Amino acid sequence: MKVAIIVLGVLLLIVIVLGAWIAGIYNTLVSLRNRFKNAFAQIDVQLKRRYDLIPNLVEVAKGYMKHESSTLEAVIKARNIALAASQSAAANPADASAMKGLVSAESGLTGALSRLMVVSEQYPDLKANQNMMQLTEELTSTENKISFARQAYNDSVMTYNTTREVFPNVIFAGMFGFTAAELFKIDDPTERNAPKVSFT
């Protein structure tokens, strides 16, 4: 009888230790997932600021660039697509397809902004406009903040994905529904640089 109680006690202890170990894995994954979601929220704040600046930039440019309406319309269209993609990604940063859609939309917006800046170089009065200079300075500052926020997000995603993929965590991550998170990276090497927005 004593042996049966000892064996039962040892088995109970093993179950408790195993349960605590699995709970620790689960809690670590939850913490890391919340960390990368918070990091994405920081990107989202800067993207919204950028999306708010773009219509003002286009409005100022309209007065000077009357023959460039297609360029201005392309910027606004790209901005609207990026805004919608950002809202979709913000709803669930763990959704890989939403993040891929955001990266694609951001690439399109960066290209449209770059074209706007190249075309605007042909208008000296626009370059000298105080509102335009202030908006481009704010946009440049925002682009820098986006870059820093994106780096922090990617670092958080890397930590989460690594923790999720190591053994034995990978077994429990799949059981508990912890899917891989998508990095916020730009695939086209020509789009890796932020649009140049200097009018000086």
Protein backbone atom coordinates (compact mmCIF):
# COMPACT_ATOMS: atom_id res chain seq x y z
CA MET A 1 0.00 0.00 0.00
CA LYS A 2 2.85 2.37 0.86
CA VAL A 3 4.50 1.74 -2.51
CA ALA A 4 1.25 2.52 -4.35
CA ILE A 5 0.92 5.84 -2.47
CA ILE A 6 4.55 6.73 -3.26
CA VAL A 7 4.10 5.86 -6.95
CA LEU A 8 0.84 7.85 -7.06
CA GLY A 9 2.57 10.81 -5.35
CA VAL A 10 5.46 10.70 -7.84
CA LEU A 11 3.03 10.51 -10.78
CA LEU A 12 1.04 13.42 -9.38
CA LEU A 13 4.23 15.44 -8.95
CA ILE A 14 5.26 14.67 -12.55
CA VAL A 15 1.83 15.78 -13.82
CA ILE A 16 2.03 19.02 -11.81
CA VAL A 17 5.57 19.79 -13.05
CA LEU A 18 4.59 18.94 -16.64
CA GLY A 19 1.46 21.13 -16.38
CA ALA A 20 3.48 24.04 -14.97
CA TRP A 21 6.07 23.63 -17.74
CA ILE A 22 3.39 23.66 -20.48
CA ALA A 23 1.70 26.66 -18.82
CA GLY A 24 5.07 28.43 -18.83
CA ILE A 25 5.46 27.80 -22.58
CA TYR A 26 1.92 29.04 -23.20
CA ASN A 27 2.39 32.17 -21.09
CA THR A 28 5.70 32.98 -22.79
CA LEU A 29 4.10 32.71 -26.24
CA VAL A 30 1.17 34.91 -25.16
CA SER A 31 3.57 37.51 -23.79
CA LEU A 32 5.68 37.54 -26.96
CA ARG A 33 2.60 37.70 -29.20
CA ASN A 34 1.28 40.67 -27.25
CA ARG A 35 4.70 42.33 -27.48
CA PHE A 36 4.78 42.16 -31.29
CA LYS A 37 1.16 43.32 -31.50
CA ASN A 38 2.09 46.32 -29.38
CA ALA A 39 5.11 46.95 -31.61
CA PHE A 40 2.80 46.94 -34.63
CA ALA A 41 0.55 49.46 -32.88
CA GLN A 42 3.54 51.82 -32.79
CA ILE A 43 3.97 51.42 -36.56
CA ASP A 44 0.25 51.98 -37.02
CA VAL A 45 0.39 55.32 -35.17
CA GLN A 46 3.14 56.56 -37.49
CA LEU A 47 1.43 55.22 -40.62
CA LYS A 48 -1.77 57.06 -39.68
CA ARG A 49 0.22 60.25 -39.24
CA ARG A 50 1.75 59.74 -42.67
CA TYR A 51 -1.65 59.02 -44.23
CA ASP A 52 -2.96 62.26 -42.70
CA LEU A 53 -0.03 64.29 -44.10
CA ILE A 54 -0.30 63.01 -47.67
CA PRO A 55 -3.63 64.68 -48.62
CA ASN A 56 -2.28 68.02 -47.33
CA LEU A 57 0.89 67.54 -49.37
CA VAL A 58 -1.14 66.76 -52.49
CA GLU A 59 -3.44 69.73 -51.88
CA VAL A 60 -0.50 72.14 -51.70
CA ALA A 61 1.04 70.56 -54.82
CA LYS A 62 -2.24 70.83 -56.76
CA GLY A 63 -1.98 74.58 -56.95
CA TYR A 64 1.38 74.37 -58.70
CA MET A 65 1.16 71.09 -60.60
CA LYS A 66 -2.02 71.56 -62.65
CA HIS A 67 -0.68 69.40 -65.50
CA GLU A 68 0.29 66.54 -63.19
CA SER A 69 -3.17 65.50 -62.05
CA SER A 70 -2.53 61.82 -62.83
CA THR A 71 0.50 61.81 -60.50
CA LEU A 72 -1.49 63.47 -57.72
CA GLU A 73 -4.42 61.07 -58.20
CA ALA A 74 -2.02 58.10 -58.09
CA VAL A 75 -0.65 59.29 -54.74
CA ILE A 76 -4.14 59.65 -53.25
CA LYS A 77 -5.23 56.27 -54.62
CA ALA A 78 -2.09 54.58 -53.24
CA ARG A 79 -2.63 56.32 -49.90
CA ASN A 80 -6.22 55.05 -49.69
CA ILE A 81 -5.16 51.49 -50.53
CA ALA A 82 -2.39 51.64 -47.91
CA LEU A 83 -4.79 53.05 -45.32
CA ALA A 84 -7.25 50.19 -45.90
CA ALA A 85 -4.43 47.63 -45.73
CA SER A 86 -3.14 49.23 -42.53
CA GLN A 87 -6.56 48.99 -40.90
CA SER A 88 -6.79 45.32 -41.88
CA ALA A 89 -3.33 44.59 -40.47
CA ALA A 90 -4.03 46.59 -37.30
CA ALA A 91 -7.11 44.45 -36.66
CA ASN A 92 -4.85 41.39 -36.42
CA PRO A 93 -1.07 41.87 -36.80
CA ALA A 94 -0.67 38.09 -36.43
CA ASP A 95 -2.49 37.57 -39.77
CA ALA A 96 0.29 36.91 -42.30
CA SER A 97 -1.90 37.71 -45.32
CA ALA A 98 -2.93 41.08 -43.85
CA MET A 99 0.73 41.95 -43.21
CA LYS A 100 1.69 40.94 -46.75
CA GLY A 101 -1.13 43.13 -48.06
CA LEU A 102 0.13 46.05 -45.99
CA VAL A 103 3.70 45.60 -47.20
CA SER A 104 2.48 45.52 -50.80
CA ALA A 105 0.28 48.60 -50.32
CA GLU A 106 3.11 50.48 -48.59
CA SER A 107 5.42 49.64 -51.49
CA GLY A 108 2.88 51.12 -53.90
CA LEU A 109 2.52 54.25 -51.78
CA THR A 110 6.27 54.70 -51.51
CA GLY A 111 6.56 54.46 -55.28
CA ALA A 112 3.76 56.98 -55.84
CA LEU A 113 5.29 59.42 -53.35
CA SER A 114 8.68 59.05 -55.00
CA ARG A 115 7.16 59.88 -58.39
CA LEU A 116 5.45 62.92 -56.87
CA MET A 117 8.73 64.15 -55.43
CA VAL A 118 10.55 63.68 -58.74
CA VAL A 119 7.86 65.55 -60.67
CA SER A 120 7.67 68.33 -58.08
CA GLU A 121 11.37 69.04 -58.60
CA GLN A 122 10.33 70.63 -61.90
CA TYR A 123 8.32 73.33 -60.07
CA PRO A 124 10.64 75.83 -58.30
CA ASP A 125 7.72 77.82 -56.86
CA LEU A 126 6.37 74.66 -55.24
CA LYS A 127 9.78 73.85 -53.78
CA ALA A 128 9.90 77.33 -52.23
CA ASN A 129 6.38 77.14 -50.75
CA GLN A 130 6.53 77.28 -46.92
CA ASN A 131 3.62 74.87 -46.46
CA MET A 132 5.22 72.37 -48.81
CA MET A 133 8.57 72.62 -47.03
CA GLN A 134 6.91 72.13 -43.63
CA LEU A 135 4.84 69.17 -44.85
CA THR A 136 7.83 67.47 -46.44
CA GLU A 137 9.85 67.98 -43.26
CA GLU A 138 7.05 66.40 -41.22
CA LEU A 139 6.76 63.57 -43.74
CA THR A 140 10.51 62.92 -43.58
CA SER A 141 10.39 62.86 -39.79
CA THR A 142 7.44 60.46 -39.90
CA GLU A 143 9.24 58.19 -42.38
CA ASN A 144 12.16 57.97 -39.93
CA LYS A 145 9.81 57.11 -37.06
CA ILE A 146 8.18 54.42 -39.21
CA SER A 147 11.61 52.91 -39.89
CA PHE A 148 12.44 52.75 -36.18
CA ALA A 149 9.01 51.34 -35.30
CA ARG A 150 9.28 48.76 -38.08
CA GLN A 151 12.66 47.63 -36.75
CA ALA A 152 11.23 47.22 -33.23
CA TYR A 153 8.28 45.28 -34.65
CA ASN A 154 10.53 42.98 -36.69
CA ASP A 155 12.71 42.35 -33.63
CA SER A 156 9.61 41.40 -31.61
CA VAL A 157 8.34 39.14 -34.39
CA MET A 158 11.74 37.45 -34.67
CA THR A 159 11.78 36.74 -30.92
CA TYR A 160 8.21 35.40 -31.02
CA ASN A 161 8.81 33.23 -34.09
CA THR A 162 12.07 31.84 -32.72
CA THR A 163 10.49 31.00 -29.36
CA ARG A 164 7.51 29.47 -31.16
CA GLU A 165 9.66 27.31 -33.45
CA VAL A 166 12.15 25.81 -30.98
CA PHE A 167 11.57 22.33 -29.66
CA PRO A 168 9.47 21.47 -27.65
CA ASN A 169 7.59 24.81 -27.91
CA VAL A 170 6.68 24.10 -31.54
CA ILE A 171 4.55 21.14 -30.46
CA PHE A 172 2.51 23.18 -27.98
CA ALA A 173 2.42 26.33 -30.16
CA GLY A 174 0.55 24.39 -32.84
CA MET A 175 -1.81 22.87 -30.29
CA PHE A 176 -2.62 26.28 -28.78
CA GLY A 177 -3.02 28.06 -32.14
CA PHE A 178 0.11 30.21 -32.11
CA THR A 179 0.82 30.73 -35.80
CA ALA A 180 3.96 32.30 -37.27
CA ALA A 181 3.97 36.10 -37.49
CA GLU A 182 4.98 37.96 -40.65
CA LEU A 183 7.89 40.39 -40.71
CA PHE A 184 7.23 43.91 -42.02
CA LYS A 185 9.76 43.80 -44.83
CA ILE A 186 9.90 45.30 -48.28
CA ASP A 187 10.69 42.68 -50.90
CA ASP A 188 11.63 44.92 -53.84
CA PRO A 189 15.19 46.25 -53.25
CA THR A 190 14.39 49.46 -55.16
CA GLU A 191 11.70 50.25 -52.60
CA ARG A 192 13.83 49.77 -49.49
CA ASN A 193 14.55 53.47 -49.17
CA ALA A 194 11.95 55.91 -47.91
CA PRO A 195 10.86 58.42 -50.51
CA LYS A 196 13.15 61.41 -50.66
CA VAL A 197 11.07 64.43 -49.69
CA SER A 198 13.57 67.25 -49.63
CA PHE A 199 12.75 70.59 -51.24
CA THR A 200 15.81 72.49 -50.10
